[in-house]
Amino acid sequence: MAMKKIAISLPEPVLKTVDQMAKHQRESRSHVISTILSRVARLERNRDITAQIDALFSDGEIAAEQKRTADEFLQESPWPREKW
């Protein structure tokens, strides 16, 4: 993956924490910050996806159709009825 250098300003306590994490993980400061930002971005994307799914299933007709489909699948399924 191509990397691009940027400059950021951090409060001293945040930088100290990042440096401690980097030392503990035996990684560079840059790697630690990159990993944290990646996780935050992924969480935000996952929240967006979850919100879209929630909105979709808040539609009563769609929820009922999904329930019917699941019930039909269970009736035809070769798997024993297990409680998940």
C-alpha atoms as a PDB file:
ATOM      1  CA  MET A   1       0.000   0.000   0.000  1.00  0.00           C
ATOM      2  CA  ALA A   2       1.314   3.432  -0.874  1.00  0.00           C
ATOM      3  CA  MET A   3       2.155   5.622   2.089  1.00  0.00           C
ATOM      4  CA  LYS A   4       1.854   9.365   2.298  1.00  0.00           C
ATOM      5  CA  LYS A   5       3.594  11.487   4.920  1.00  0.00           C
ATOM      6  CA  ILE A   6       1.603  14.041   6.864  1.00  0.00           C
ATOM      7  CA  ALA A   7       2.323  16.332   9.790  1.00  0.00           C
ATOM      8  CA  ILE A   8       0.021  16.395  12.786  1.00  0.00           C
ATOM      9  CA  SER A   9       0.049  18.163  16.119  1.00  0.00           C
ATOM     10  CA  LEU A  10      -0.825  16.218  19.243  1.00  0.00           C
ATOM     11  CA  PRO A  11      -1.186  17.249  22.853  1.00  0.00           C
ATOM     12  CA  GLU A  12       1.811  16.100  24.922  1.00  0.00           C
ATOM     13  CA  PRO A  13      -0.189  13.547  26.978  1.00  0.00           C
ATOM     14  CA  VAL A  14      -1.559  11.938  23.791  1.00  0.00           C
ATOM     15  CA  LEU A  15       1.900  11.754  22.239  1.00  0.00           C
ATOM     16  CA  LYS A  16       3.280  10.253  25.441  1.00  0.00           C
ATOM     17  CA  THR A  17       0.574   7.576  25.379  1.00  0.00           C
ATOM     18  CA  VAL A  18       1.221   6.825  21.693  1.00  0.00           C
ATOM     19  CA  ASP A  19       4.954   6.533  22.354  1.00  0.00           C
ATOM     20  CA  GLN A  20       4.323   4.178  25.283  1.00  0.00           C
ATOM     21  CA  MET A  21       2.073   2.034  23.099  1.00  0.00           C
ATOM     22  CA  ALA A  22       4.661   1.985  20.316  1.00  0.00           C
ATOM     23  CA  LYS A  23       7.395   0.937  22.734  1.00  0.00           C
ATOM     24  CA  HIS A  24       5.213  -1.758  24.300  1.00  0.00           C
ATOM     25  CA  GLN A  25       4.200  -3.133  20.872  1.00  0.00           C
ATOM     26  CA  ARG A  26       7.705  -2.697  19.434  1.00  0.00           C
ATOM     27  CA  GLU A  27       6.239  -0.688  16.576  1.00  0.00           C
ATOM     28  CA  SER A  28       6.879   2.771  15.233  1.00  0.00           C
ATOM     29  CA  ARG A  29       4.874   5.764  16.380  1.00  0.00           C
ATOM     30  CA  SER A  30       3.606   6.078  12.814  1.00  0.00           C
ATOM     31  CA  HIS A  31       2.390   2.469  12.780  1.00  0.00           C
ATOM     32  CA  VAL A  32       0.527   2.885  16.068  1.00  0.00           C
ATOM     33  CA  ILE A  33      -1.209   6.072  14.915  1.00  0.00           C
ATOM     34  CA  SER A  34      -2.043   4.492  11.555  1.00  0.00           C
ATOM     35  CA  THR A  35      -3.509   1.415  13.245  1.00  0.00           C
ATOM     36  CA  ILE A  36      -5.640   3.525  15.581  1.00  0.00           C
ATOM     37  CA  LEU A  37      -6.964   5.663  12.718  1.00  0.00           C
ATOM     38  CA  SER A  38      -7.747   2.541  10.662  1.00  0.00           C
ATOM     39  CA  ARG A  39      -9.738   1.053  13.515  1.00  0.00           C
ATOM     40  CA  VAL A  40     -11.681   4.273  14.059  1.00  0.00           C
ATOM     41  CA  ALA A  41     -12.496   4.494  10.339  1.00  0.00           C
ATOM     42  CA  ARG A  42     -13.602   0.839  10.291  1.00  0.00           C
ATOM     43  CA  LEU A  43     -15.808   1.366  13.355  1.00  0.00           C
ATOM     44  CA  GLU A  44     -17.416   4.381  11.713  1.00  0.00           C
ATOM     45  CA  ARG A  45     -18.052   2.397   8.516  1.00  0.00           C
ATOM     46  CA  ASN A  46     -19.493  -0.494  10.537  1.00  0.00           C
ATOM     47  CA  ARG A  47     -21.786   1.943  12.376  1.00  0.00           C
ATOM     48  CA  ASP A  48     -23.011   3.285   9.032  1.00  0.00           C
ATOM     49  CA  ILE A  49     -23.673  -0.225   7.727  1.00  0.00           C
ATOM     50  CA  THR A  50     -25.503  -1.177  10.921  1.00  0.00           C
ATOM     51  CA  ALA A  51     -27.647   1.956  10.705  1.00  0.00           C
ATOM     52  CA  GLN A  52     -28.581   1.099   7.114  1.00  0.00           C
ATOM     53  CA  ILE A  53     -29.478  -2.476   8.078  1.00  0.00           C
ATOM     54  CA  ASP A  54     -31.510  -1.252  11.061  1.00  0.00           C
ATOM     55  CA  ALA A  55     -33.380   1.179   8.812  1.00  0.00           C
ATOM     56  CA  LEU A  56     -34.067  -1.582   6.304  1.00  0.00           C
ATOM     57  CA  PHE A  57     -35.441  -3.956   8.925  1.00  0.00           C
ATOM     58  CA  SER A  58     -37.527  -1.261  10.557  1.00  0.00           C
ATOM     59  CA  ASP A  59     -39.758  -1.630   7.479  1.00  0.00           C
ATOM     60  CA  GLY A  60     -42.432  -4.065   8.682  1.00  0.00           C
ATOM     61  CA  GLU A  61     -42.954  -5.646   5.260  1.00  0.00           C
ATOM     62  CA  ILE A  62     -39.261  -6.384   4.777  1.00  0.00           C
ATOM     63  CA  ALA A  63     -38.926  -7.749   8.316  1.00  0.00           C
ATOM     64  CA  ALA A  64     -41.944 -10.020   7.785  1.00  0.00           C
ATOM     65  CA  GLU A  65     -40.530 -11.272   4.476  1.00  0.00           C
ATOM     66  CA  GLN A  66     -37.198 -12.052   6.133  1.00  0.00           C
ATOM     67  CA  LYS A  67     -39.018 -13.935   8.894  1.00  0.00           C
ATOM     68  CA  ARG A  68     -40.987 -15.973   6.330  1.00  0.00           C
ATOM     69  CA  THR A  69     -37.808 -16.755   4.405  1.00  0.00           C
ATOM     70  CA  ALA A  70     -36.029 -17.859   7.589  1.00  0.00           C
ATOM     71  CA  ASP A  71     -38.990 -20.038   8.618  1.00  0.00           C
ATOM     72  CA  GLU A  72     -39.086 -21.679   5.167  1.00  0.00           C
ATOM     73  CA  PHE A  73     -35.359 -22.328   5.337  1.00  0.00           C
ATOM     74  CA  LEU A  74     -35.693 -23.969   8.749  1.00  0.00           C
ATOM     75  CA  GLN A  75     -38.462 -26.236   7.474  1.00  0.00           C
ATOM     76  CA  GLU A  76     -36.304 -27.430   4.573  1.00  0.00           C
ATOM     77  CA  SER A  77     -32.987 -27.427   6.411  1.00  0.00           C
ATOM     78  CA  PRO A  78     -31.202 -30.758   6.885  1.00  0.00           C
ATOM     79  CA  TRP A  79     -29.700 -29.418  10.103  1.00  0.00           C
ATOM     80  CA  PRO A  80     -31.259 -30.277  13.419  1.00  0.00           C
ATOM     81  CA  ARG A  81     -33.111 -27.479  15.124  1.00  0.00           C
ATOM     82  CA  GLU A  82     -30.494 -25.909  17.299  1.00  0.00           C
ATOM     83  CA  LYS A  83     -30.979 -22.976  19.616  1.00  0.00           C
ATOM     84  CA  TRP A  84     -28.417 -20.286  18.884  1.00  0.00           C
END
